[in-house]
């Protein structure tokens, strides 16, 4: 943590979100600082898809340098299925695998267009990454892995379904 200037925050606290946005903005404006590496999905997925990006890192008005990463599971699967394997088992699997192979594509820099909001910009970047990596471009976030579906979302889908019937 002391070797690199991390930006720590608690996602559940609204006040922290504004503070993080301010610190990120200050960081990207200071040309003497290193670029920030962000994983905007906020979680890991099984190397088949790209989930919805969190919008926060796309609100600061910085140029984004997208990177598409796709692991080749031929010699060892880098994905950690936390509901199937514990941390120790996962680490042992990684350290004893023949190799961890991945393809990495550095995409052209992208900037937010004048007519785009942060969500639209995030979706455009996500789509470019999915297309390059041959991944499925998902419209939902990783919260469904660990949380119950919200009742309002269920009701909305039920209304849409009832209109179709």
Protein backbone atom coordinates (compact mmCIF):
# COMPACT_ATOMS: atom_id res chain seq x y z
CA UNK A 1 0.00 0.00 0.00
CA UNK A 2 2.88 2.37 0.75
CA UNK A 3 4.63 1.59 -2.56
CA UNK A 4 1.71 2.83 -4.68
CA UNK A 5 -0.75 5.63 -3.90
CA UNK A 6 -4.04 3.75 -3.57
CA UNK A 7 -7.39 5.48 -3.32
CA UNK A 8 -9.31 3.65 -0.59
CA UNK A 9 -13.06 3.97 -0.11
CA UNK A 10 -16.08 2.20 1.30
CA UNK A 11 -18.60 1.63 -1.52
CA UNK A 12 -21.58 1.61 0.83
CA UNK A 13 -20.98 5.11 2.20
CA UNK A 14 -22.35 7.88 -0.04
CA UNK A 15 -20.07 10.54 1.46
CA UNK A 16 -17.01 8.45 0.57
CA UNK A 17 -18.12 8.27 -3.07
CA UNK A 18 -17.93 12.05 -3.41
CA UNK A 19 -14.57 12.14 -1.66
CA UNK A 20 -13.23 9.39 -3.93
CA UNK A 21 -14.47 11.23 -7.04
CA UNK A 22 -12.70 14.36 -5.85
CA UNK A 23 -9.43 12.49 -5.16
CA UNK A 24 -9.61 10.69 -8.52
CA UNK A 25 -10.19 14.00 -10.32
CA UNK A 26 -7.23 15.61 -8.53
CA UNK A 27 -5.08 12.58 -9.33
CA UNK A 28 -5.78 12.56 -13.09
CA UNK A 29 -5.21 16.32 -13.35
CA UNK A 30 -1.76 16.02 -11.76
CA UNK A 31 0.45 15.03 -14.71
CA UNK A 32 3.30 14.02 -12.36
CA UNK A 33 1.25 11.09 -10.98
CA UNK A 34 1.03 7.62 -12.46
CA UNK A 35 -2.15 6.52 -14.26
CA UNK A 36 -4.86 4.86 -12.18
CA UNK A 37 -5.74 1.21 -12.78
CA UNK A 38 -9.46 0.58 -12.24
CA UNK A 39 -11.53 -2.56 -12.63
CA UNK A 40 -14.91 -0.89 -13.17
CA UNK A 41 -17.00 -4.07 -12.88
CA UNK A 42 -16.34 -4.07 -9.15
CA UNK A 43 -16.09 -7.89 -9.07
CA UNK A 44 -14.70 -10.83 -11.02
CA UNK A 45 -16.51 -12.97 -13.54
CA UNK A 46 -15.76 -16.32 -15.20
CA UNK A 47 -13.93 -15.12 -18.32
CA UNK A 48 -16.97 -15.33 -20.59
CA UNK A 49 -18.56 -11.89 -20.21
CA UNK A 50 -18.13 -8.26 -19.27
CA UNK A 51 -20.60 -7.07 -16.63
CA UNK A 52 -22.05 -3.61 -16.15
CA UNK A 53 -19.41 -1.05 -15.18
CA UNK A 54 -19.77 1.12 -12.09
CA UNK A 55 -20.22 4.69 -13.33
CA UNK A 56 -18.03 6.48 -10.76
CA UNK A 57 -14.74 6.22 -12.62
CA UNK A 58 -16.42 7.53 -15.78
CA UNK A 59 -17.76 10.69 -14.09
CA UNK A 60 -14.40 12.36 -13.51
CA UNK A 61 -13.87 13.56 -17.07
CA UNK A 62 -10.60 11.74 -17.72
CA UNK A 63 -9.44 9.97 -20.85
CA UNK A 64 -9.88 6.20 -20.45
CA UNK A 65 -7.33 3.73 -21.81
CA UNK A 66 -9.35 0.49 -22.07
CA UNK A 67 -7.68 -2.89 -21.78
CA UNK A 68 -9.37 -6.17 -22.69
CA UNK A 69 -8.06 -9.23 -20.87
CA UNK A 70 -9.13 -12.80 -21.61
CA UNK A 71 -7.62 -15.81 -19.87
CA UNK A 72 -6.87 -19.03 -21.72
CA UNK A 73 -7.94 -21.87 -19.37
CA UNK A 74 -5.96 -24.49 -21.32
CA UNK A 75 -3.22 -24.77 -18.65
CA UNK A 76 -5.07 -23.42 -15.61
CA UNK A 77 -8.25 -21.49 -14.94
CA UNK A 78 -7.49 -18.13 -13.31
CA UNK A 79 -11.12 -17.52 -12.32
CA UNK A 80 -11.85 -17.91 -8.62
CA UNK A 81 -15.30 -19.32 -8.01
CA UNK A 82 -15.56 -18.27 -4.37
CA UNK A 83 -18.76 -20.28 -3.85
CA UNK A 84 -16.93 -23.45 -4.95
CA UNK A 85 -13.35 -22.98 -3.64
CA UNK A 86 -11.95 -21.28 -0.58
CA UNK A 87 -9.03 -18.82 -0.82
CA UNK A 88 -6.38 -21.41 0.15
CA UNK A 89 -7.64 -23.95 -2.40
CA UNK A 90 -7.72 -21.26 -5.10
CA UNK A 91 -4.16 -20.14 -4.29
CA UNK A 92 -2.92 -23.75 -4.38
CA UNK A 93 -4.63 -24.27 -7.74
CA UNK A 94 -2.99 -21.12 -9.12
CA UNK A 95 0.48 -21.91 -7.79
CA UNK A 96 0.38 -25.49 -9.08
CA UNK A 97 -1.11 -24.79 -12.50
CA UNK A 98 1.14 -25.29 -15.50
CA UNK A 99 0.80 -21.67 -16.61
CA UNK A 100 -1.57 -18.74 -16.44
CA UNK A 101 -1.98 -17.58 -20.03
CA UNK A 102 -4.00 -14.57 -21.12
CA UNK A 103 -4.45 -12.34 -24.11
CA UNK A 104 -4.22 -8.61 -23.47
CA UNK A 105 -5.42 -5.97 -25.92
CA UNK A 106 -4.70 -2.27 -25.39
CA UNK A 107 -7.53 -0.38 -27.05
CA UNK A 108 -7.36 3.21 -28.32
CA UNK A 109 -7.97 5.94 -25.72
CA UNK A 110 -11.60 6.94 -25.26
CA UNK A 111 -13.07 10.20 -24.01
CA UNK A 112 -16.56 11.08 -22.94
CA UNK A 113 -18.58 12.64 -25.76
CA UNK A 114 -20.43 15.91 -25.06
CA UNK A 115 -23.88 14.27 -25.37
CA UNK A 116 -22.97 11.25 -23.16
CA UNK A 117 -23.59 10.86 -19.47
CA UNK A 118 -21.27 8.72 -17.33
CA UNK A 119 -23.40 5.57 -17.74
CA UNK A 120 -23.47 5.86 -21.54
CA UNK A 121 -19.71 6.43 -21.62
CA UNK A 122 -19.12 3.43 -19.36
CA UNK A 123 -21.34 1.27 -21.59
CA UNK A 124 -19.48 2.39 -24.71
CA UNK A 125 -16.12 1.48 -23.16
CA UNK A 126 -17.52 -1.84 -21.89
CA UNK A 127 -18.86 -2.72 -25.34
CA UNK A 128 -15.50 -2.00 -26.96
CA UNK A 129 -13.74 -4.25 -24.45
CA UNK A 130 -16.30 -7.05 -24.90
CA UNK A 131 -16.08 -6.86 -28.68
CA UNK A 132 -12.26 -6.99 -28.68
CA UNK A 133 -12.07 -9.88 -26.21
CA UNK A 134 -14.86 -11.90 -27.82
CA UNK A 135 -16.85 -11.64 -24.59
CA UNK A 136 -20.59 -11.29 -23.96
CA UNK A 137 -21.61 -7.70 -23.19
CA UNK A 138 -23.93 -8.02 -20.16
CA UNK A 139 -26.41 -5.38 -19.01
CA UNK A 140 -26.39 -6.36 -15.33
CA UNK A 141 -23.85 -6.05 -12.56
CA UNK A 142 -22.18 -8.69 -10.42
CA UNK A 143 -24.39 -7.97 -7.44
CA UNK A 144 -26.63 -10.90 -8.35
CA UNK A 145 -23.79 -13.25 -7.38
CA UNK A 146 -24.09 -12.25 -3.74
CA UNK A 147 -27.37 -10.40 -3.26
CA UNK A 148 -31.07 -11.09 -3.67
CA UNK A 149 -32.82 -9.51 -6.67
CA UNK A 150 -34.62 -6.32 -5.61
CA UNK A 151 -38.42 -6.55 -5.42
CA UNK A 152 -38.80 -3.43 -7.58
CA UNK A 153 -36.82 -5.09 -10.37
CA UNK A 154 -38.95 -8.24 -10.12
CA UNK A 155 -42.14 -6.18 -10.26
CA UNK A 156 -40.92 -4.27 -13.30
CA UNK A 157 -40.16 -7.52 -15.13
CA UNK A 158 -43.52 -8.97 -14.12
CA UNK A 159 -45.31 -5.92 -15.56
CA UNK A 160 -43.38 -6.26 -18.83
CA UNK A 161 -44.22 -9.95 -18.99
CA UNK A 162 -47.92 -9.36 -18.28
CA UNK A 163 -48.06 -6.86 -21.15
CA UNK A 164 -46.64 -9.49 -23.50
CA UNK A 165 -49.31 -11.99 -22.48
